[in-house]
Protein backbone atom coordinates (compact mmCIF):
# COMPACT_ATOMS: atom_id res chain seq x y z
CA UNK A 1 0.00 0.00 0.00
CA UNK A 2 1.26 3.48 -0.85
CA UNK A 3 2.91 5.56 1.88
CA UNK A 4 2.57 8.73 -0.19
CA UNK A 5 0.30 11.38 1.32
CA UNK A 6 -3.38 11.35 0.44
CA UNK A 7 -4.24 14.27 -1.85
CA UNK A 8 -7.75 15.47 -2.63
CA UNK A 9 -7.88 16.82 -6.20
CA UNK A 10 -11.37 18.14 -6.97
CA UNK A 11 -12.65 18.23 -10.49
CA UNK A 12 -14.31 21.56 -11.19
CA UNK A 13 -16.75 20.11 -13.74
CA UNK A 14 -19.70 20.45 -11.31
CA UNK A 15 -18.77 24.06 -10.43
CA UNK A 16 -20.79 27.11 -11.41
CA UNK A 17 -18.82 28.18 -14.48
CA UNK A 18 -20.15 31.74 -14.20
CA UNK A 19 -18.31 31.96 -10.85
CA UNK A 20 -15.35 29.72 -11.60
CA UNK A 21 -12.74 31.82 -9.82
CA UNK A 22 -14.85 31.99 -6.67
CA UNK A 23 -15.56 28.27 -6.84
CA UNK A 24 -11.84 27.45 -7.04
CA UNK A 25 -11.18 29.79 -4.14
CA UNK A 26 -13.84 27.99 -2.12
CA UNK A 27 -12.17 24.66 -2.88
CA UNK A 28 -8.84 25.99 -1.66
CA UNK A 29 -10.48 27.31 1.51
CA UNK A 30 -12.04 23.87 2.02
CA UNK A 31 -8.59 22.30 2.25
CA UNK A 32 -8.03 20.60 -1.10
CA UNK A 33 -4.47 19.74 -2.11
CA UNK A 34 -4.68 20.53 -5.83
CA UNK A 35 -7.26 21.35 -8.50
CA UNK A 36 -7.88 18.93 -11.36
CA UNK A 37 -8.81 20.48 -14.71
CA UNK A 38 -10.69 18.07 -16.98
CA UNK A 39 -9.74 19.35 -20.42
CA UNK A 40 -12.01 17.87 -23.11
CA UNK A 41 -11.88 18.62 -26.83
CA UNK A 42 -15.13 17.13 -28.16
CA UNK A 43 -13.12 14.66 -30.25
CA UNK A 44 -11.26 12.30 -27.91
CA UNK A 45 -14.30 12.55 -25.62
CA UNK A 46 -17.81 13.79 -26.48
CA UNK A 47 -17.68 16.98 -24.45
CA UNK A 48 -16.00 20.42 -24.43
CA UNK A 49 -14.63 22.08 -21.32
CA UNK A 50 -11.67 24.30 -20.45
CA UNK A 51 -9.07 25.90 -22.67
CA UNK A 52 -5.74 27.20 -21.38
CA UNK A 53 -6.92 30.81 -21.25
CA UNK A 54 -9.68 29.89 -18.79
CA UNK A 55 -7.20 28.09 -16.54
CA UNK A 56 -4.70 30.94 -16.78
CA UNK A 57 -7.40 33.40 -15.70
CA UNK A 58 -7.96 31.42 -12.47
CA UNK A 59 -4.29 30.82 -11.65
CA UNK A 60 -3.64 34.16 -9.87
CA UNK A 61 -6.59 33.67 -7.54
CA UNK A 62 -5.60 30.39 -5.84
CA UNK A 63 -2.28 29.01 -4.61
CA UNK A 64 -2.85 25.23 -4.68
CA UNK A 65 -1.22 23.33 -7.55
CA UNK A 66 -3.09 22.78 -10.81
CA UNK A 67 -3.07 19.59 -12.86
CA UNK A 68 -4.36 19.44 -16.43
CA UNK A 69 -5.96 16.17 -17.51
CA UNK A 70 -5.84 16.40 -21.29
CA UNK A 71 -8.62 14.28 -22.77
CA UNK A 72 -7.70 15.48 -26.24
CA UNK A 73 -6.33 14.18 -29.52
CA UNK A 74 -2.84 15.38 -30.49
CA UNK A 75 -2.00 16.69 -27.00
CA UNK A 76 1.54 17.61 -28.06
CA UNK A 77 0.25 20.73 -29.79
CA UNK A 78 -1.22 22.03 -26.52
CA UNK A 79 1.29 21.02 -23.86
CA UNK A 80 3.10 24.34 -23.67
CA UNK A 81 -0.17 26.28 -23.38
CA UNK A 82 -1.27 24.40 -20.28
CA UNK A 83 2.14 24.69 -18.63
CA UNK A 84 2.13 28.42 -19.39
CA UNK A 85 -1.39 28.59 -17.89
CA UNK A 86 0.06 27.43 -14.58
CA UNK A 87 -0.43 23.66 -14.51
CA UNK A 88 2.37 21.99 -12.58
CA UNK A 89 1.29 18.51 -13.72
CA UNK A 90 0.13 17.66 -17.24
CA UNK A 91 -1.57 14.30 -17.77
CA UNK A 92 -2.03 12.86 -21.25
CA UNK A 93 -3.95 9.76 -22.29
CA UNK A 94 -1.90 6.81 -23.44
CA UNK A 95 -4.63 6.11 -26.00
CA UNK A 96 -4.19 9.56 -27.59
CA UNK A 97 -0.40 9.53 -27.90
CA UNK A 98 1.24 7.97 -30.93
CA UNK A 99 4.65 8.51 -29.34
CA UNK A 100 3.97 8.44 -25.60
CA UNK A 101 7.63 8.42 -24.58
CA UNK A 102 8.31 11.56 -26.64
CA UNK A 103 5.21 13.33 -25.31
CA UNK A 104 6.13 12.67 -21.67
CA UNK A 105 9.69 13.84 -22.28
CA UNK A 106 8.30 17.03 -23.81
CA UNK A 107 6.22 17.72 -20.70
CA UNK A 108 9.31 17.30 -18.54
CA UNK A 109 11.30 19.61 -20.83
CA UNK A 110 8.60 22.25 -20.32
CA UNK A 111 9.19 22.07 -16.58
CA UNK A 112 6.02 20.23 -15.56
CA UNK A 113 5.45 16.82 -14.01
CA UNK A 114 4.57 14.29 -16.74
CA UNK A 115 1.51 12.14 -16.16
CA UNK A 116 -0.27 9.44 -18.11
CA UNK A 117 -3.91 8.39 -17.89
CA UNK A 118 -5.33 5.03 -18.91
CA UNK A 119 -8.95 4.32 -19.76
CA UNK A 120 -10.88 1.41 -18.24
CA UNK A 121 -10.17 -0.89 -21.20
CA UNK A 122 -6.45 -0.07 -21.37
CA UNK A 123 -4.09 -2.58 -19.73
CA UNK A 124 -1.74 -1.37 -17.01
CA UNK A 125 1.37 -2.58 -18.80
CA UNK A 126 1.07 0.25 -21.35
CA UNK A 127 3.07 2.36 -18.87
CA UNK A 128 5.76 -0.25 -18.27
CA UNK A 129 8.37 1.25 -20.58
CA UNK A 130 7.86 4.91 -19.61
CA UNK A 131 8.04 4.63 -15.82
CA UNK A 132 11.38 6.46 -15.82
CA UNK A 133 9.66 9.54 -17.28
CA UNK A 134 6.55 9.58 -15.09
CA UNK A 135 5.67 11.50 -11.97
CA UNK A 136 1.99 10.67 -12.12
CA UNK A 137 -0.31 7.85 -13.26
CA UNK A 138 -4.09 8.26 -13.48
CA UNK A 139 -6.30 5.17 -13.62
CA UNK A 140 -9.75 6.08 -14.93
CA UNK A 141 -12.51 4.53 -12.84
CA UNK A 142 -15.17 5.67 -15.33
CA UNK A 143 -15.06 6.11 -19.07
CA UNK A 144 -13.90 9.70 -19.65
CA UNK A 145 -16.05 12.48 -21.01
CA UNK A 146 -18.65 13.40 -18.41
CA UNK A 147 -18.88 14.06 -14.70
CA UNK A 148 -21.29 12.30 -12.39
CA UNK A 149 -20.75 8.77 -13.69
CA UNK A 150 -20.89 5.63 -11.56
CA UNK A 151 -17.63 4.22 -10.21
CA UNK A 152 -16.40 1.01 -11.87
CA UNK A 153 -15.21 -1.24 -9.01
CA UNK A 154 -13.58 -3.75 -11.35
CA UNK A 155 -10.81 -1.18 -11.91
CA UNK A 156 -9.44 -1.82 -8.42
CA UNK A 157 -7.27 -4.79 -9.49
CA UNK A 158 -5.75 -2.54 -12.15
CA UNK A 159 -5.06 0.13 -9.54
CA UNK A 160 -3.26 -2.54 -7.50
CA UNK A 161 -1.32 -3.64 -10.57
CA UNK A 162 -0.20 -0.08 -11.30
CA UNK A 163 0.67 0.42 -7.62
CA UNK A 164 3.02 -2.55 -7.82
CA UNK A 165 4.59 -1.18 -11.02
CA UNK A 166 5.28 2.28 -9.56
CA UNK A 167 6.62 1.04 -6.22
CA UNK A 168 10.09 2.45 -5.69
CA UNK A 169 9.47 5.31 -8.13
CA UNK A 170 8.59 8.91 -7.28
CA UNK A 171 5.12 8.58 -8.83
CA UNK A 172 1.68 9.57 -7.57
CA UNK A 173 -1.15 7.16 -8.35
CA UNK A 174 -4.47 8.89 -8.99
CA UNK A 175 -8.01 7.64 -9.57
CA UNK A 176 -10.72 9.61 -11.32
CA UNK A 177 -14.39 8.79 -11.75
CA UNK A 178 -17.21 8.23 -9.29
CA UNK A 179 -14.97 8.80 -6.25
CA UNK A 180 -16.95 9.69 -3.14
CA UNK A 181 -17.57 8.60 0.45
CA UNK A 182 -19.01 5.22 -0.54
CA UNK A 183 -16.33 4.32 -3.09
CA UNK A 184 -13.05 5.83 -1.87
CA UNK A 185 -11.90 2.93 0.32
CA UNK A 186 -11.43 0.42 -2.52
CA UNK A 187 -8.98 2.36 -4.71
CA UNK A 188 -7.03 3.66 -1.70
CA UNK A 189 -6.67 0.13 -0.33
CA UNK A 190 -5.44 -0.89 -3.79
CA UNK A 191 -2.73 1.77 -3.69
CA UNK A 192 -4.09 5.10 -4.95
CA UNK A 193 -3.03 8.24 -3.10
CA UNK A 194 -4.54 11.05 -5.23
CA UNK A 195 -8.32 11.20 -5.42
CA UNK A 196 -10.25 13.15 -8.03
CA UNK A 197 -13.76 13.88 -6.82
CA UNK A 198 -16.31 16.21 -8.33
CA UNK A 199 -20.01 15.61 -7.87
CA UNK A 200 -19.59 14.02 -4.43
CA UNK A 201 -17.82 17.09 -3.08
CA UNK A 202 -20.10 19.71 -4.59
CA UNK A 203 -23.34 18.01 -3.59
CA UNK A 204 -22.47 17.44 0.07
CA UNK A 205 -25.31 19.13 2.01
CA UNK A 206 -22.85 20.09 4.75
CA UNK A 207 -20.63 21.98 2.33
CA UNK A 208 -17.21 21.67 0.71
CA UNK A 209 -15.14 21.82 3.89
CA UNK A 210 -17.03 18.88 5.37
CA UNK A 211 -16.90 16.99 2.06
CA UNK A 212 -13.12 17.34 1.73
CA UNK A 213 -12.43 16.42 5.36
CA UNK A 214 -14.79 13.45 5.22
CA UNK A 215 -13.25 12.09 2.02
CA UNK A 216 -9.73 12.48 3.43
CA UNK A 217 -10.72 10.76 6.69
CA UNK A 218 -12.27 7.84 4.84
CA UNK A 219 -9.19 7.52 2.62
CA UNK A 220 -6.84 7.52 5.60
CA UNK A 221 -9.01 4.93 7.33
CA UNK A 222 -8.76 2.68 4.26
CA UNK A 223 -5.01 2.55 4.81
CA UNK A 224 -5.28 1.50 8.46
C-alpha atoms as a PDB file:
ATOM      1  CA  UNK A   1       0.000   0.000   0.000  1.00  0.00           C
ATOM      2  CA  UNK A   2       1.261   3.481  -0.847  1.00  0.00           C
ATOM      3  CA  UNK A   3       2.906   5.555   1.877  1.00  0.00           C
ATOM      4  CA  UNK A   4       2.572   8.729  -0.190  1.00  0.00           C
ATOM      5  CA  UNK A   5       0.298  11.379   1.315  1.00  0.00           C
ATOM      6  CA  UNK A   6      -3.375  11.348   0.435  1.00  0.00           C
ATOM      7  CA  UNK A   7      -4.241  14.267  -1.845  1.00  0.00           C
ATOM      8  CA  UNK A   8      -7.746  15.471  -2.631  1.00  0.00           C
ATOM      9  CA  UNK A   9      -7.878  16.825  -6.197  1.00  0.00           C
ATOM     10  CA  UNK A  10     -11.366  18.135  -6.969  1.00  0.00           C
ATOM     11  CA  UNK A  11     -12.654  18.228 -10.493  1.00  0.00           C
ATOM     12  CA  UNK A  12     -14.308  21.562 -11.187  1.00  0.00           C
ATOM     13  CA  UNK A  13     -16.753  20.112 -13.737  1.00  0.00           C
ATOM     14  CA  UNK A  14     -19.697  20.448 -11.307  1.00  0.00           C
ATOM     15  CA  UNK A  15     -18.773  24.056 -10.426  1.00  0.00           C
ATOM     16  CA  UNK A  16     -20.791  27.106 -11.414  1.00  0.00           C
ATOM     17  CA  UNK A  17     -18.821  28.185 -14.476  1.00  0.00           C
ATOM     18  CA  UNK A  18     -20.147  31.736 -14.200  1.00  0.00           C
ATOM     19  CA  UNK A  19     -18.309  31.962 -10.847  1.00  0.00           C
ATOM     20  CA  UNK A  20     -15.345  29.720 -11.605  1.00  0.00           C
ATOM     21  CA  UNK A  21     -12.738  31.818  -9.819  1.00  0.00           C
ATOM     22  CA  UNK A  22     -14.850  31.993  -6.671  1.00  0.00           C
ATOM     23  CA  UNK A  23     -15.558  28.272  -6.842  1.00  0.00           C
ATOM     24  CA  UNK A  24     -11.844  27.453  -7.036  1.00  0.00           C
ATOM     25  CA  UNK A  25     -11.177  29.792  -4.136  1.00  0.00           C
ATOM     26  CA  UNK A  26     -13.841  27.995  -2.119  1.00  0.00           C
ATOM     27  CA  UNK A  27     -12.170  24.660  -2.877  1.00  0.00           C
ATOM     28  CA  UNK A  28      -8.839  25.988  -1.660  1.00  0.00           C
ATOM     29  CA  UNK A  29     -10.481  27.312   1.505  1.00  0.00           C
ATOM     30  CA  UNK A  30     -12.045  23.866   2.017  1.00  0.00           C
ATOM     31  CA  UNK A  31      -8.586  22.302   2.255  1.00  0.00           C
ATOM     32  CA  UNK A  32      -8.028  20.597  -1.096  1.00  0.00           C
ATOM     33  CA  UNK A  33      -4.469  19.736  -2.113  1.00  0.00           C
ATOM     34  CA  UNK A  34      -4.680  20.531  -5.827  1.00  0.00           C
ATOM     35  CA  UNK A  35      -7.257  21.350  -8.501  1.00  0.00           C
ATOM     36  CA  UNK A  36      -7.885  18.929 -11.357  1.00  0.00           C
ATOM     37  CA  UNK A  37      -8.806  20.477 -14.713  1.00  0.00           C
ATOM     38  CA  UNK A  38     -10.693  18.072 -16.976  1.00  0.00           C
ATOM     39  CA  UNK A  39      -9.736  19.346 -20.424  1.00  0.00           C
ATOM     40  CA  UNK A  40     -12.007  17.868 -23.109  1.00  0.00           C
ATOM     41  CA  UNK A  41     -11.883  18.624 -26.828  1.00  0.00           C
ATOM     42  CA  UNK A  42     -15.131  17.134 -28.157  1.00  0.00           C
ATOM     43  CA  UNK A  43     -13.124  14.661 -30.250  1.00  0.00           C
ATOM     44  CA  UNK A  44     -11.264  12.304 -27.908  1.00  0.00           C
ATOM     45  CA  UNK A  45     -14.301  12.550 -25.624  1.00  0.00           C
ATOM     46  CA  UNK A  46     -17.812  13.793 -26.481  1.00  0.00           C
ATOM     47  CA  UNK A  47     -17.683  16.984 -24.448  1.00  0.00           C
ATOM     48  CA  UNK A  48     -16.005  20.415 -24.430  1.00  0.00           C
ATOM     49  CA  UNK A  49     -14.628  22.081 -21.322  1.00  0.00           C
ATOM     50  CA  UNK A  50     -11.665  24.304 -20.453  1.00  0.00           C
ATOM     51  CA  UNK A  51      -9.068  25.901 -22.665  1.00  0.00           C
ATOM     52  CA  UNK A  52      -5.738  27.196 -21.379  1.00  0.00           C
ATOM     53  CA  UNK A  53      -6.925  30.811 -21.251  1.00  0.00           C
ATOM     54  CA  UNK A  54      -9.678  29.888 -18.786  1.00  0.00           C
ATOM     55  CA  UNK A  55      -7.202  28.086 -16.537  1.00  0.00           C
ATOM     56  CA  UNK A  56      -4.701  30.945 -16.782  1.00  0.00           C
ATOM     57  CA  UNK A  57      -7.403  33.395 -15.697  1.00  0.00           C
ATOM     58  CA  UNK A  58      -7.956  31.420 -12.470  1.00  0.00           C
ATOM     59  CA  UNK A  59      -4.292  30.817 -11.648  1.00  0.00           C
ATOM     60  CA  UNK A  60      -3.637  34.162  -9.871  1.00  0.00           C
ATOM     61  CA  UNK A  61      -6.592  33.670  -7.538  1.00  0.00           C
ATOM     62  CA  UNK A  62      -5.598  30.386  -5.842  1.00  0.00           C
ATOM     63  CA  UNK A  63      -2.283  29.012  -4.613  1.00  0.00           C
ATOM     64  CA  UNK A  64      -2.850  25.232  -4.682  1.00  0.00           C
ATOM     65  CA  UNK A  65      -1.220  23.332  -7.555  1.00  0.00           C
ATOM     66  CA  UNK A  66      -3.093  22.784 -10.809  1.00  0.00           C
ATOM     67  CA  UNK A  67      -3.075  19.591 -12.855  1.00  0.00           C
ATOM     68  CA  UNK A  68      -4.359  19.442 -16.428  1.00  0.00           C
ATOM     69  CA  UNK A  69      -5.955  16.165 -17.509  1.00  0.00           C
ATOM     70  CA  UNK A  70      -5.841  16.403 -21.292  1.00  0.00           C
ATOM     71  CA  UNK A  71      -8.624  14.277 -22.775  1.00  0.00           C
ATOM     72  CA  UNK A  72      -7.698  15.476 -26.240  1.00  0.00           C
ATOM     73  CA  UNK A  73      -6.327  14.181 -29.522  1.00  0.00           C
ATOM     74  CA  UNK A  74      -2.839  15.381 -30.488  1.00  0.00           C
ATOM     75  CA  UNK A  75      -2.002  16.687 -26.999  1.00  0.00           C
ATOM     76  CA  UNK A  76       1.539  17.606 -28.064  1.00  0.00           C
ATOM     77  CA  UNK A  77       0.248  20.727 -29.791  1.00  0.00           C
ATOM     78  CA  UNK A  78      -1.220  22.029 -26.522  1.00  0.00           C
ATOM     79  CA  UNK A  79       1.287  21.021 -23.861  1.00  0.00           C
ATOM     80  CA  UNK A  80       3.103  24.342 -23.669  1.00  0.00           C
ATOM     81  CA  UNK A  81      -0.166  26.280 -23.380  1.00  0.00           C
ATOM     82  CA  UNK A  82      -1.268  24.400 -20.277  1.00  0.00           C
ATOM     83  CA  UNK A  83       2.145  24.687 -18.631  1.00  0.00           C
ATOM     84  CA  UNK A  84       2.131  28.421 -19.392  1.00  0.00           C
ATOM     85  CA  UNK A  85      -1.385  28.591 -17.894  1.00  0.00           C
ATOM     86  CA  UNK A  86       0.057  27.432 -14.577  1.00  0.00           C
ATOM     87  CA  UNK A  87      -0.426  23.664 -14.509  1.00  0.00           C
ATOM     88  CA  UNK A  88       2.374  21.987 -12.575  1.00  0.00           C
ATOM     89  CA  UNK A  89       1.285  18.514 -13.721  1.00  0.00           C
ATOM     90  CA  UNK A  90       0.133  17.657 -17.236  1.00  0.00           C
ATOM     91  CA  UNK A  91      -1.571  14.301 -17.766  1.00  0.00           C
ATOM     92  CA  UNK A  92      -2.031  12.857 -21.254  1.00  0.00           C
ATOM     93  CA  UNK A  93      -3.948   9.763 -22.293  1.00  0.00           C
ATOM     94  CA  UNK A  94      -1.898   6.810 -23.440  1.00  0.00           C
ATOM     95  CA  UNK A  95      -4.635   6.106 -25.995  1.00  0.00           C
ATOM     96  CA  UNK A  96      -4.190   9.555 -27.591  1.00  0.00           C
ATOM     97  CA  UNK A  97      -0.400   9.527 -27.897  1.00  0.00           C
ATOM     98  CA  UNK A  98       1.237   7.967 -30.930  1.00  0.00           C
ATOM     99  CA  UNK A  99       4.654   8.507 -29.340  1.00  0.00           C
ATOM    100  CA  UNK A 100       3.970   8.441 -25.603  1.00  0.00           C
ATOM    101  CA  UNK A 101       7.634   8.420 -24.581  1.00  0.00           C
ATOM    102  CA  UNK A 102       8.306  11.559 -26.640  1.00  0.00           C
ATOM    103  CA  UNK A 103       5.206  13.334 -25.306  1.00  0.00           C
ATOM    104  CA  UNK A 104       6.130  12.673 -21.673  1.00  0.00           C
ATOM    105  CA  UNK A 105       9.690  13.837 -22.284  1.00  0.00           C
ATOM    106  CA  UNK A 106       8.305  17.035 -23.812  1.00  0.00           C
ATOM    107  CA  UNK A 107       6.219  17.722 -20.705  1.00  0.00           C
ATOM    108  CA  UNK A 108       9.312  17.304 -18.545  1.00  0.00           C
ATOM    109  CA  UNK A 109      11.301  19.614 -20.830  1.00  0.00           C
ATOM    110  CA  UNK A 110       8.596  22.254 -20.322  1.00  0.00           C
ATOM    111  CA  UNK A 111       9.191  22.065 -16.582  1.00  0.00           C
ATOM    112  CA  UNK A 112       6.017  20.233 -15.558  1.00  0.00           C
ATOM    113  CA  UNK A 113       5.451  16.821 -14.010  1.00  0.00           C
ATOM    114  CA  UNK A 114       4.571  14.287 -16.739  1.00  0.00           C
ATOM    115  CA  UNK A 115       1.512  12.142 -16.164  1.00  0.00           C
ATOM    116  CA  UNK A 116      -0.270   9.439 -18.112  1.00  0.00           C
ATOM    117  CA  UNK A 117      -3.909   8.387 -17.886  1.00  0.00           C
ATOM    118  CA  UNK A 118      -5.326   5.029 -18.905  1.00  0.00           C
ATOM    119  CA  UNK A 119      -8.951   4.321 -19.765  1.00  0.00           C
ATOM    120  CA  UNK A 120     -10.883   1.410 -18.244  1.00  0.00           C
ATOM    121  CA  UNK A 121     -10.168  -0.893 -21.203  1.00  0.00           C
ATOM    122  CA  UNK A 122      -6.448  -0.073 -21.365  1.00  0.00           C
ATOM    123  CA  UNK A 123      -4.087  -2.579 -19.731  1.00  0.00           C
ATOM    124  CA  UNK A 124      -1.742  -1.374 -17.011  1.00  0.00           C
ATOM    125  CA  UNK A 125       1.367  -2.580 -18.801  1.00  0.00           C
ATOM    126  CA  UNK A 126       1.072   0.248 -21.353  1.00  0.00           C
ATOM    127  CA  UNK A 127       3.069   2.362 -18.871  1.00  0.00           C
ATOM    128  CA  UNK A 128       5.758  -0.245 -18.268  1.00  0.00           C
ATOM    129  CA  UNK A 129       8.374   1.252 -20.578  1.00  0.00           C
ATOM    130  CA  UNK A 130       7.859   4.913 -19.609  1.00  0.00           C
ATOM    131  CA  UNK A 131       8.043   4.634 -15.821  1.00  0.00           C
ATOM    132  CA  UNK A 132      11.380   6.463 -15.817  1.00  0.00           C
ATOM    133  CA  UNK A 133       9.658   9.538 -17.283  1.00  0.00           C
ATOM    134  CA  UNK A 134       6.554   9.576 -15.089  1.00  0.00           C
ATOM    135  CA  UNK A 135       5.668  11.498 -11.969  1.00  0.00           C
ATOM    136  CA  UNK A 136       1.991  10.671 -12.120  1.00  0.00           C
ATOM    137  CA  UNK A 137      -0.310   7.852 -13.260  1.00  0.00           C
ATOM    138  CA  UNK A 138      -4.088   8.256 -13.479  1.00  0.00           C
ATOM    139  CA  UNK A 139      -6.298   5.173 -13.615  1.00  0.00           C
ATOM    140  CA  UNK A 140      -9.751   6.080 -14.925  1.00  0.00           C
ATOM    141  CA  UNK A 141     -12.510   4.527 -12.839  1.00  0.00           C
ATOM    142  CA  UNK A 142     -15.166   5.671 -15.332  1.00  0.00           C
ATOM    143  CA  UNK A 143     -15.061   6.114 -19.072  1.00  0.00           C
ATOM    144  CA  UNK A 144     -13.902   9.697 -19.648  1.00  0.00           C
ATOM    145  CA  UNK A 145     -16.048  12.479 -21.012  1.00  0.00           C
ATOM    146  CA  UNK A 146     -18.647  13.398 -18.411  1.00  0.00           C
ATOM    147  CA  UNK A 147     -18.880  14.063 -14.702  1.00  0.00           C
ATOM    148  CA  UNK A 148     -21.287  12.296 -12.386  1.00  0.00           C
ATOM    149  CA  UNK A 149     -20.752   8.769 -13.692  1.00  0.00           C
ATOM    150  CA  UNK A 150     -20.889   5.629 -11.560  1.00  0.00           C
ATOM    151  CA  UNK A 151     -17.631   4.217 -10.212  1.00  0.00           C
ATOM    152  CA  UNK A 152     -16.398   1.012 -11.871  1.00  0.00           C
ATOM    153  CA  UNK A 153     -15.213  -1.239  -9.014  1.00  0.00           C
ATOM    154  CA  UNK A 154     -13.585  -3.746 -11.353  1.00  0.00           C
ATOM    155  CA  UNK A 155     -10.813  -1.177 -11.915  1.00  0.00           C
ATOM    156  CA  UNK A 156      -9.440  -1.818  -8.422  1.00  0.00           C
ATOM    157  CA  UNK A 157      -7.268  -4.788  -9.488  1.00  0.00           C
ATOM    158  CA  UNK A 158      -5.747  -2.545 -12.154  1.00  0.00           C
ATOM    159  CA  UNK A 159      -5.055   0.134  -9.542  1.00  0.00           C
ATOM    160  CA  UNK A 160      -3.259  -2.537  -7.503  1.00  0.00           C
ATOM    161  CA  UNK A 161      -1.317  -3.644 -10.575  1.00  0.00           C
ATOM    162  CA  UNK A 162      -0.199  -0.085 -11.299  1.00  0.00           C
ATOM    163  CA  UNK A 163       0.672   0.417  -7.617  1.00  0.00           C
ATOM    164  CA  UNK A 164       3.024  -2.555  -7.825  1.00  0.00           C
ATOM    165  CA  UNK A 165       4.587  -1.182 -11.016  1.00  0.00           C
ATOM    166  CA  UNK A 166       5.284   2.278  -9.558  1.00  0.00           C
ATOM    167  CA  UNK A 167       6.616   1.037  -6.216  1.00  0.00           C
ATOM    168  CA  UNK A 168      10.087   2.451  -5.692  1.00  0.00           C
ATOM    169  CA  UNK A 169       9.472   5.310  -8.134  1.00  0.00           C
ATOM    170  CA  UNK A 170       8.586   8.908  -7.276  1.00  0.00           C
ATOM    171  CA  UNK A 171       5.124   8.584  -8.835  1.00  0.00           C
ATOM    172  CA  UNK A 172       1.682   9.568  -7.571  1.00  0.00           C
ATOM    173  CA  UNK A 173      -1.155   7.163  -8.353  1.00  0.00           C
ATOM    174  CA  UNK A 174      -4.468   8.888  -8.987  1.00  0.00           C
ATOM    175  CA  UNK A 175      -8.011   7.635  -9.570  1.00  0.00           C
ATOM    176  CA  UNK A 176     -10.719   9.612 -11.319  1.00  0.00           C
ATOM    177  CA  UNK A 177     -14.389   8.787 -11.751  1.00  0.00           C
ATOM    178  CA  UNK A 178     -17.205   8.231  -9.290  1.00  0.00           C
ATOM    179  CA  UNK A 179     -14.974   8.797  -6.254  1.00  0.00           C
ATOM    180  CA  UNK A 180     -16.951   9.691  -3.137  1.00  0.00           C
ATOM    181  CA  UNK A 181     -17.567   8.598   0.449  1.00  0.00           C
ATOM    182  CA  UNK A 182     -19.006   5.220  -0.536  1.00  0.00           C
ATOM    183  CA  UNK A 183     -16.335   4.323  -3.094  1.00  0.00           C
ATOM    184  CA  UNK A 184     -13.049   5.825  -1.872  1.00  0.00           C
ATOM    185  CA  UNK A 185     -11.904   2.930   0.316  1.00  0.00           C
ATOM    186  CA  UNK A 186     -11.428   0.418  -2.520  1.00  0.00           C
ATOM    187  CA  UNK A 187      -8.978   2.358  -4.714  1.00  0.00           C
ATOM    188  CA  UNK A 188      -7.026   3.655  -1.703  1.00  0.00           C
ATOM    189  CA  UNK A 189      -6.675   0.132  -0.332  1.00  0.00           C
ATOM    190  CA  UNK A 190      -5.444  -0.886  -3.794  1.00  0.00           C
ATOM    191  CA  UNK A 191      -2.725   1.773  -3.685  1.00  0.00           C
ATOM    192  CA  UNK A 192      -4.090   5.098  -4.952  1.00  0.00           C
ATOM    193  CA  UNK A 193      -3.032   8.244  -3.096  1.00  0.00           C
ATOM    194  CA  UNK A 194      -4.544  11.055  -5.234  1.00  0.00           C
ATOM    195  CA  UNK A 195      -8.316  11.201  -5.424  1.00  0.00           C
ATOM    196  CA  UNK A 196     -10.253  13.145  -8.026  1.00  0.00           C
ATOM    197  CA  UNK A 197     -13.758  13.877  -6.822  1.00  0.00           C
ATOM    198  CA  UNK A 198     -16.307  16.212  -8.335  1.00  0.00           C
ATOM    199  CA  UNK A 199     -20.007  15.605  -7.867  1.00  0.00           C
ATOM    200  CA  UNK A 200     -19.594  14.015  -4.430  1.00  0.00           C
ATOM    201  CA  UNK A 201     -17.821  17.093  -3.084  1.00  0.00           C
ATOM    202  CA  UNK A 202     -20.098  19.707  -4.586  1.00  0.00           C
ATOM    203  CA  UNK A 203     -23.340  18.005  -3.588  1.00  0.00           C
ATOM    204  CA  UNK A 204     -22.467  17.439   0.074  1.00  0.00           C
ATOM    205  CA  UNK A 205     -25.312  19.133   2.007  1.00  0.00           C
ATOM    206  CA  UNK A 206     -22.848  20.088   4.752  1.00  0.00           C
ATOM    207  CA  UNK A 207     -20.627  21.984   2.327  1.00  0.00           C
ATOM    208  CA  UNK A 208     -17.211  21.670   0.714  1.00  0.00           C
ATOM    209  CA  UNK A 209     -15.139  21.817   3.886  1.00  0.00           C
ATOM    210  CA  UNK A 210     -17.029  18.882   5.371  1.00  0.00           C
ATOM    211  CA  UNK A 211     -16.898  16.989   2.064  1.00  0.00           C
ATOM    212  CA  UNK A 212     -13.115  17.339   1.734  1.00  0.00           C
ATOM    213  CA  UNK A 213     -12.430  16.422   5.364  1.00  0.00           C
ATOM    214  CA  UNK A 214     -14.788  13.445   5.219  1.00  0.00           C
ATOM    215  CA  UNK A 215     -13.246  12.090   2.019  1.00  0.00           C
ATOM    216  CA  UNK A 216      -9.729  12.481   3.434  1.00  0.00           C
ATOM    217  CA  UNK A 217     -10.719  10.762   6.694  1.00  0.00           C
ATOM    218  CA  UNK A 218     -12.270   7.836   4.839  1.00  0.00           C
ATOM    219  CA  UNK A 219      -9.193   7.523   2.624  1.00  0.00           C
ATOM    220  CA  UNK A 220      -6.845   7.520   5.599  1.00  0.00           C
ATOM    221  CA  UNK A 221      -9.010   4.928   7.329  1.00  0.00           C
ATOM    222  CA  UNK A 222      -8.758   2.678   4.256  1.00  0.00           C
ATOM    223  CA  UNK A 223      -5.008   2.547   4.811  1.00  0.00           C
ATOM    224  CA  UNK A 224      -5.284   1.503   8.460  1.00  0.00           C
END
